[in-house]
Amino acid sequence: MGKPKILGLAVSNLASKPATIEYPKEPTPVEEDFRGRHYADLSKCTGCSLCSIECPADAIKMTPIPEGYDVPKSNPRRIYPLIDYGKCVYCYRCISVCPFNAYIHTNEYRLADHVISDSSGLSLSTLGKGGVK
């Protein structure tokens, strides 16, 4: 008695569209305020370390800026916040606590990778190459 119902249900499911988004074939819609990848704009960052101190996941470490980058005079210690995306819980406390609005936030959610991911490449791309400003 239950078999005809199951057979009908199976046939109707085969004929219907999928209930889920076929990612990565179709892009996933993302809300405007989605908390995705974020990084420091080093042209604004002063190296104050507030973001590192306030990070509840201990995902931000203050790191020296490598030689060869134009470092603003507002950052005399030549350090910047390096975010470990594997530890980050995306609470955005670092963004809210930054007194210089130095963080750039995106709604990029595709973070899976075969290498350990951090914010170094994105942050350093906000500085010019050369000497010291």
N, C-alpha and C. Protein backbone atom coordinates (compact mmCIF):
# COMPACT_ATOMS: atom_id res chain seq x y z
N MET A 1 0.82 -1.19 0.00
CA MET A 1 0.00 0.00 0.00
C MET A 1 0.87 1.27 0.00
N GLY A 2 2.04 1.27 0.66
CA GLY A 2 2.92 2.42 0.69
C GLY A 2 3.77 2.55 -0.55
N LYS A 3 3.96 1.48 -1.32
CA LYS A 3 4.84 1.52 -2.48
C LYS A 3 4.33 2.44 -3.58
N PRO A 4 3.04 2.47 -3.91
CA PRO A 4 2.60 3.40 -4.97
C PRO A 4 2.84 4.86 -4.60
N LYS A 5 2.70 5.23 -3.33
CA LYS A 5 2.96 6.61 -2.91
C LYS A 5 4.43 6.96 -3.09
N ILE A 6 5.31 6.04 -2.72
CA ILE A 6 6.74 6.29 -2.84
C ILE A 6 7.13 6.39 -4.31
N LEU A 7 6.58 5.54 -5.15
CA LEU A 7 6.89 5.57 -6.57
C LEU A 7 6.43 6.88 -7.19
N GLY A 8 5.26 7.35 -6.82
CA GLY A 8 4.76 8.63 -7.33
C GLY A 8 5.61 9.79 -6.86
N LEU A 9 6.05 9.75 -5.64
CA LEU A 9 6.91 10.79 -5.09
C LEU A 9 8.26 10.81 -5.80
N ALA A 10 8.82 9.63 -6.05
CA ALA A 10 10.11 9.53 -6.75
C ALA A 10 10.00 10.10 -8.17
N VAL A 11 8.95 9.78 -8.88
CA VAL A 11 8.76 10.27 -10.24
C VAL A 11 8.58 11.80 -10.24
N SER A 12 7.81 12.32 -9.29
CA SER A 12 7.61 13.77 -9.24
C SER A 12 8.90 14.51 -8.88
N ASN A 13 9.74 13.91 -8.03
CA ASN A 13 11.02 14.53 -7.69
C ASN A 13 12.00 14.50 -8.86
N LEU A 14 11.95 13.47 -9.67
CA LEU A 14 12.82 13.40 -10.84
C LEU A 14 12.45 14.47 -11.86
N ALA A 15 11.19 14.82 -11.94
CA ALA A 15 10.71 15.79 -12.92
C ALA A 15 10.83 17.23 -12.43
N SER A 16 11.06 17.45 -11.15
CA SER A 16 11.09 18.82 -10.62
C SER A 16 12.51 19.39 -10.62
N LYS A 17 12.60 20.71 -10.46
CA LYS A 17 13.89 21.38 -10.37
C LYS A 17 14.54 21.06 -9.02
N PRO A 18 15.87 21.16 -8.92
CA PRO A 18 16.54 20.90 -7.64
C PRO A 18 16.09 21.91 -6.57
N ALA A 19 16.05 21.45 -5.35
CA ALA A 19 15.66 22.32 -4.24
C ALA A 19 16.81 23.19 -3.77
N THR A 20 18.02 22.83 -4.14
CA THR A 20 19.20 23.57 -3.72
C THR A 20 19.85 24.25 -4.91
N ILE A 21 20.73 25.19 -4.63
CA ILE A 21 21.49 25.87 -5.68
C ILE A 21 22.64 24.95 -6.09
N GLU A 22 22.86 24.80 -7.36
CA GLU A 22 23.91 23.93 -7.85
C GLU A 22 25.24 24.66 -7.86
N TYR A 23 25.77 24.90 -6.64
CA TYR A 23 27.06 25.57 -6.51
C TYR A 23 28.15 24.57 -6.82
N PRO A 24 29.16 24.89 -7.57
CA PRO A 24 29.60 26.17 -8.09
C PRO A 24 29.08 26.50 -9.50
N LYS A 25 28.21 25.67 -10.06
CA LYS A 25 27.68 25.99 -11.39
C LYS A 25 26.93 27.32 -11.38
N GLU A 26 26.13 27.55 -10.35
CA GLU A 26 25.38 28.79 -10.21
C GLU A 26 25.96 29.57 -9.03
N PRO A 27 26.10 30.88 -9.19
CA PRO A 27 26.60 31.66 -8.04
C PRO A 27 25.57 31.70 -6.92
N THR A 28 26.07 31.70 -5.70
CA THR A 28 25.20 31.76 -4.54
C THR A 28 24.86 33.22 -4.26
N PRO A 29 23.58 33.55 -4.10
CA PRO A 29 23.26 34.94 -3.77
C PRO A 29 23.75 35.27 -2.36
N VAL A 30 24.32 36.46 -2.23
CA VAL A 30 24.89 36.88 -0.95
C VAL A 30 24.26 38.21 -0.56
N GLU A 31 23.89 38.33 0.68
CA GLU A 31 23.32 39.58 1.19
C GLU A 31 24.39 40.67 1.18
N GLU A 32 23.97 41.93 1.07
CA GLU A 32 24.89 43.06 1.06
C GLU A 32 25.75 43.14 2.32
N ASP A 33 25.14 42.83 3.46
CA ASP A 33 25.86 42.95 4.73
C ASP A 33 26.50 41.64 5.20
N PHE A 34 26.68 40.70 4.28
CA PHE A 34 27.32 39.43 4.62
C PHE A 34 28.75 39.68 5.09
N ARG A 35 29.17 39.02 6.13
CA ARG A 35 30.52 39.21 6.67
C ARG A 35 31.47 38.22 6.02
N GLY A 36 32.22 38.71 5.06
CA GLY A 36 33.18 37.86 4.34
C GLY A 36 34.60 38.26 4.65
N ARG A 37 35.47 37.99 3.69
CA ARG A 37 36.90 38.28 3.84
C ARG A 37 37.11 39.77 4.07
N HIS A 38 37.98 40.11 4.99
CA HIS A 38 38.31 41.49 5.31
C HIS A 38 39.81 41.60 5.49
N TYR A 39 40.33 42.81 5.30
CA TYR A 39 41.76 43.03 5.43
C TYR A 39 42.01 44.50 5.72
N ALA A 40 43.21 44.80 6.16
CA ALA A 40 43.55 46.17 6.54
C ALA A 40 44.08 46.94 5.33
N ASP A 41 43.60 48.18 5.19
CA ASP A 41 44.14 49.10 4.20
C ASP A 41 45.34 49.76 4.86
N LEU A 42 46.53 49.38 4.45
CA LEU A 42 47.73 49.81 5.15
C LEU A 42 48.07 51.27 4.89
N SER A 43 47.40 51.89 3.95
CA SER A 43 47.61 53.34 3.77
C SER A 43 46.90 54.12 4.87
N LYS A 44 45.96 53.48 5.59
CA LYS A 44 45.25 54.11 6.70
C LYS A 44 45.68 53.56 8.06
N CYS A 45 46.17 52.33 8.08
CA CYS A 45 46.51 51.66 9.33
C CYS A 45 47.72 52.33 9.99
N THR A 46 47.63 52.55 11.30
CA THR A 46 48.73 53.16 12.05
C THR A 46 49.52 52.13 12.86
N GLY A 47 49.10 50.87 12.83
CA GLY A 47 49.79 49.85 13.59
C GLY A 47 49.50 49.92 15.08
N CYS A 48 48.34 50.45 15.46
CA CYS A 48 48.02 50.66 16.88
C CYS A 48 47.77 49.36 17.64
N SER A 49 47.46 48.27 16.97
CA SER A 49 47.25 46.94 17.56
C SER A 49 45.92 46.75 18.27
N LEU A 50 45.02 47.71 18.22
CA LEU A 50 43.72 47.54 18.89
C LEU A 50 42.95 46.34 18.33
N CYS A 51 43.02 46.13 17.02
CA CYS A 51 42.30 45.02 16.41
C CYS A 51 42.84 43.68 16.92
N SER A 52 44.14 43.60 17.05
CA SER A 52 44.77 42.38 17.53
C SER A 52 44.42 42.11 18.99
N ILE A 53 44.40 43.16 19.79
CA ILE A 53 44.06 43.04 21.21
C ILE A 53 42.62 42.61 21.38
N GLU A 54 41.71 43.16 20.58
CA GLU A 54 40.28 42.90 20.73
C GLU A 54 39.80 41.61 20.06
N CYS A 55 40.61 40.97 19.23
CA CYS A 55 40.16 39.79 18.49
C CYS A 55 39.88 38.63 19.44
N PRO A 56 38.61 38.16 19.52
CA PRO A 56 38.28 37.09 20.45
C PRO A 56 38.84 35.72 20.04
N ALA A 57 39.15 35.55 18.76
CA ALA A 57 39.66 34.27 18.27
C ALA A 57 41.18 34.25 18.17
N ASP A 58 41.82 35.34 18.55
CA ASP A 58 43.28 35.47 18.46
C ASP A 58 43.75 35.18 17.02
N ALA A 59 42.99 35.70 16.05
CA ALA A 59 43.28 35.46 14.64
C ALA A 59 44.12 36.57 14.02
N ILE A 60 44.38 37.65 14.75
CA ILE A 60 45.13 38.78 14.20
C ILE A 60 46.46 38.91 14.95
N LYS A 61 47.53 38.89 14.18
CA LYS A 61 48.87 39.08 14.73
C LYS A 61 49.48 40.29 14.06
N MET A 62 50.10 41.15 14.83
CA MET A 62 50.78 42.31 14.27
C MET A 62 52.12 41.84 13.70
N THR A 63 52.34 42.17 12.43
CA THR A 63 53.47 41.65 11.67
C THR A 63 54.25 42.80 11.04
N PRO A 64 55.57 42.72 10.97
CA PRO A 64 56.35 43.79 10.32
C PRO A 64 56.04 43.88 8.82
N ILE A 65 55.97 45.10 8.33
CA ILE A 65 55.79 45.31 6.89
C ILE A 65 57.14 45.02 6.23
N PRO A 66 57.16 44.17 5.19
CA PRO A 66 58.44 43.84 4.55
C PRO A 66 59.11 45.07 3.93
N GLU A 67 60.40 45.00 3.79
CA GLU A 67 61.16 46.07 3.14
C GLU A 67 60.69 46.22 1.70
N GLY A 68 60.80 47.43 1.19
CA GLY A 68 60.44 47.67 -0.20
C GLY A 68 59.05 48.23 -0.40
N TYR A 69 58.28 48.41 0.68
CA TYR A 69 56.93 48.98 0.58
C TYR A 69 56.94 50.41 1.10
N ASP A 70 56.13 51.27 0.49
CA ASP A 70 55.96 52.64 0.95
C ASP A 70 55.08 52.61 2.19
N VAL A 71 55.65 52.92 3.33
CA VAL A 71 54.90 52.90 4.59
C VAL A 71 54.58 54.33 4.98
N PRO A 72 53.30 54.63 5.25
CA PRO A 72 52.93 56.00 5.66
C PRO A 72 53.63 56.40 6.95
N LYS A 73 53.87 57.70 7.11
CA LYS A 73 54.50 58.22 8.33
C LYS A 73 53.63 57.96 9.56
N SER A 74 52.33 57.76 9.34
CA SER A 74 51.43 57.50 10.47
C SER A 74 51.64 56.11 11.08
N ASN A 75 52.49 55.29 10.47
CA ASN A 75 52.78 53.96 11.00
C ASN A 75 54.29 53.84 11.27
N PRO A 76 54.80 54.52 12.32
CA PRO A 76 56.24 54.53 12.57
C PRO A 76 56.79 53.16 12.99
N ARG A 77 55.96 52.30 13.55
CA ARG A 77 56.44 50.98 13.98
C ARG A 77 56.53 50.00 12.81
N ARG A 78 56.01 50.37 11.64
CA ARG A 78 56.04 49.55 10.42
C ARG A 78 55.47 48.16 10.65
N ILE A 79 54.31 48.09 11.33
CA ILE A 79 53.64 46.80 11.54
C ILE A 79 52.22 46.89 11.00
N TYR A 80 51.65 45.72 10.72
CA TYR A 80 50.27 45.68 10.23
C TYR A 80 49.57 44.44 10.74
N PRO A 81 48.22 44.46 10.77
CA PRO A 81 47.48 43.30 11.25
C PRO A 81 47.39 42.21 10.18
N LEU A 82 47.85 41.03 10.51
CA LEU A 82 47.79 39.88 9.63
C LEU A 82 46.68 38.97 10.14
N ILE A 83 45.64 38.78 9.34
CA ILE A 83 44.48 37.99 9.75
C ILE A 83 44.64 36.56 9.26
N ASP A 84 44.53 35.61 10.16
CA ASP A 84 44.53 34.18 9.81
C ASP A 84 43.07 33.79 9.61
N TYR A 85 42.66 33.61 8.35
CA TYR A 85 41.26 33.32 8.05
C TYR A 85 40.82 31.96 8.56
N GLY A 86 41.75 31.08 8.84
CA GLY A 86 41.40 29.77 9.41
C GLY A 86 40.96 29.88 10.86
N LYS A 87 41.44 30.89 11.56
CA LYS A 87 41.05 31.10 12.97
C LYS A 87 39.90 32.09 13.11
N CYS A 88 39.76 32.98 12.15
CA CYS A 88 38.80 34.08 12.24
C CYS A 88 37.36 33.57 12.35
N VAL A 89 36.58 34.19 13.23
CA VAL A 89 35.17 33.83 13.39
C VAL A 89 34.26 34.87 12.73
N TYR A 90 34.85 35.84 12.03
CA TYR A 90 34.13 36.86 11.26
C TYR A 90 33.12 37.63 12.11
N CYS A 91 33.52 37.95 13.32
CA CYS A 91 32.67 38.76 14.20
C CYS A 91 32.76 40.23 13.83
N TYR A 92 33.80 40.60 13.11
CA TYR A 92 34.06 41.97 12.64
C TYR A 92 34.32 42.93 13.79
N ARG A 93 34.73 42.41 14.94
CA ARG A 93 35.08 43.29 16.05
C ARG A 93 36.27 44.17 15.67
N CYS A 94 37.19 43.61 14.87
CA CYS A 94 38.36 44.39 14.44
C CYS A 94 37.94 45.60 13.63
N ILE A 95 36.92 45.44 12.82
CA ILE A 95 36.43 46.54 11.99
C ILE A 95 35.76 47.60 12.86
N SER A 96 34.98 47.17 13.83
CA SER A 96 34.26 48.14 14.66
C SER A 96 35.19 48.86 15.65
N VAL A 97 36.27 48.23 16.06
CA VAL A 97 37.16 48.85 17.06
C VAL A 97 38.22 49.74 16.41
N CYS A 98 38.44 49.62 15.11
CA CYS A 98 39.50 50.39 14.45
C CYS A 98 39.15 51.87 14.43
N PRO A 99 39.95 52.72 15.09
CA PRO A 99 39.63 54.15 15.14
C PRO A 99 39.96 54.89 13.84
N PHE A 100 40.61 54.22 12.91
CA PHE A 100 41.03 54.87 11.67
C PHE A 100 40.27 54.37 10.44
N ASN A 101 39.25 53.53 10.67
CA ASN A 101 38.48 52.93 9.56
C ASN A 101 39.41 52.34 8.51
N ALA A 102 40.39 51.58 8.98
CA ALA A 102 41.41 51.05 8.09
C ALA A 102 41.06 49.70 7.48
N TYR A 103 39.93 49.14 7.85
CA TYR A 103 39.59 47.82 7.33
C TYR A 103 38.69 47.91 6.11
N ILE A 104 39.00 47.06 5.16
CA ILE A 104 38.17 46.90 3.97
C ILE A 104 37.44 45.58 4.15
N HIS A 105 36.12 45.62 4.09
CA HIS A 105 35.35 44.39 4.26
C HIS A 105 34.64 44.07 2.96
N THR A 106 34.58 42.79 2.66
CA THR A 106 33.95 42.32 1.43
C THR A 106 32.91 41.27 1.80
N ASN A 107 32.15 40.85 0.82
CA ASN A 107 31.24 39.73 1.07
C ASN A 107 31.72 38.50 0.31
N GLU A 108 33.04 38.37 0.18
CA GLU A 108 33.65 37.20 -0.45
C GLU A 108 33.59 36.02 0.52
N TYR A 109 32.92 34.97 0.11
CA TYR A 109 32.73 33.81 0.98
C TYR A 109 33.49 32.58 0.51
N ARG A 110 34.06 32.62 -0.66
CA ARG A 110 34.77 31.45 -1.20
C ARG A 110 36.20 31.45 -0.66
N LEU A 111 36.37 30.89 0.52
CA LEU A 111 37.66 30.95 1.21
C LEU A 111 38.37 29.60 1.26
N ALA A 112 37.72 28.54 0.82
CA ALA A 112 38.35 27.22 0.88
C ALA A 112 39.53 27.17 -0.09
N ASP A 113 40.64 26.65 0.39
CA ASP A 113 41.84 26.58 -0.44
C ASP A 113 42.73 25.48 0.12
N HIS A 114 43.67 25.03 -0.68
CA HIS A 114 44.58 23.98 -0.23
C HIS A 114 45.79 24.52 0.53
N VAL A 115 45.93 25.84 0.56
CA VAL A 115 47.01 26.46 1.33
C VAL A 115 46.40 27.27 2.46
N ILE A 116 47.18 27.50 3.51
CA ILE A 116 46.71 28.30 4.63
C ILE A 116 46.55 29.74 4.15
N SER A 117 45.40 30.30 4.42
CA SER A 117 45.06 31.62 3.89
C SER A 117 45.16 32.69 4.97
N ASP A 118 45.79 33.80 4.61
CA ASP A 118 45.83 34.95 5.50
C ASP A 118 45.67 36.22 4.66
N SER A 119 45.68 37.35 5.33
CA SER A 119 45.39 38.62 4.67
C SER A 119 46.62 39.33 4.12
N SER A 120 47.79 38.72 4.15
CA SER A 120 49.02 39.42 3.78
C SER A 120 48.99 39.97 2.36
N GLY A 121 48.61 39.17 1.40
CA GLY A 121 48.60 39.63 0.01
C GLY A 121 47.64 40.78 -0.22
N LEU A 122 46.46 40.68 0.37
CA LEU A 122 45.45 41.74 0.20
C LEU A 122 45.89 43.03 0.90
N SER A 123 46.38 42.91 2.11
CA SER A 123 46.79 44.11 2.85
C SER A 123 47.99 44.79 2.19
N LEU A 124 48.98 44.02 1.82
CA LEU A 124 50.17 44.61 1.22
C LEU A 124 49.89 45.22 -0.15
N SER A 125 48.82 44.77 -0.80
CA SER A 125 48.46 45.35 -2.11
C SER A 125 47.94 46.78 -1.97
N THR A 126 47.62 47.21 -0.75
CA THR A 126 47.14 48.58 -0.53
C THR A 126 48.28 49.58 -0.38
N LEU A 127 49.52 49.09 -0.35
CA LEU A 127 50.69 49.95 -0.26
C LEU A 127 51.41 49.97 -1.61
N GLY A 128 52.06 51.08 -1.87
CA GLY A 128 52.90 51.17 -3.06
C GLY A 128 54.27 50.56 -2.78
N LYS A 129 54.99 50.26 -3.82
CA LYS A 129 56.36 49.74 -3.65
C LYS A 129 57.34 50.88 -3.86
N GLY A 130 58.41 50.85 -3.10
CA GLY A 130 59.41 51.89 -3.21
C GLY A 130 60.22 51.98 -1.94
N GLY A 131 60.07 53.09 -1.24
CA GLY A 131 60.81 53.32 0.00
C GLY A 131 59.87 53.66 1.12
N VAL A 132 60.22 54.66 1.90
CA VAL A 132 59.40 55.11 3.02
C VAL A 132 58.84 56.48 2.69
N LYS A 133 57.54 56.67 2.91
CA LYS A 133 56.90 57.98 2.68
C LYS A 133 57.26 58.93 3.78
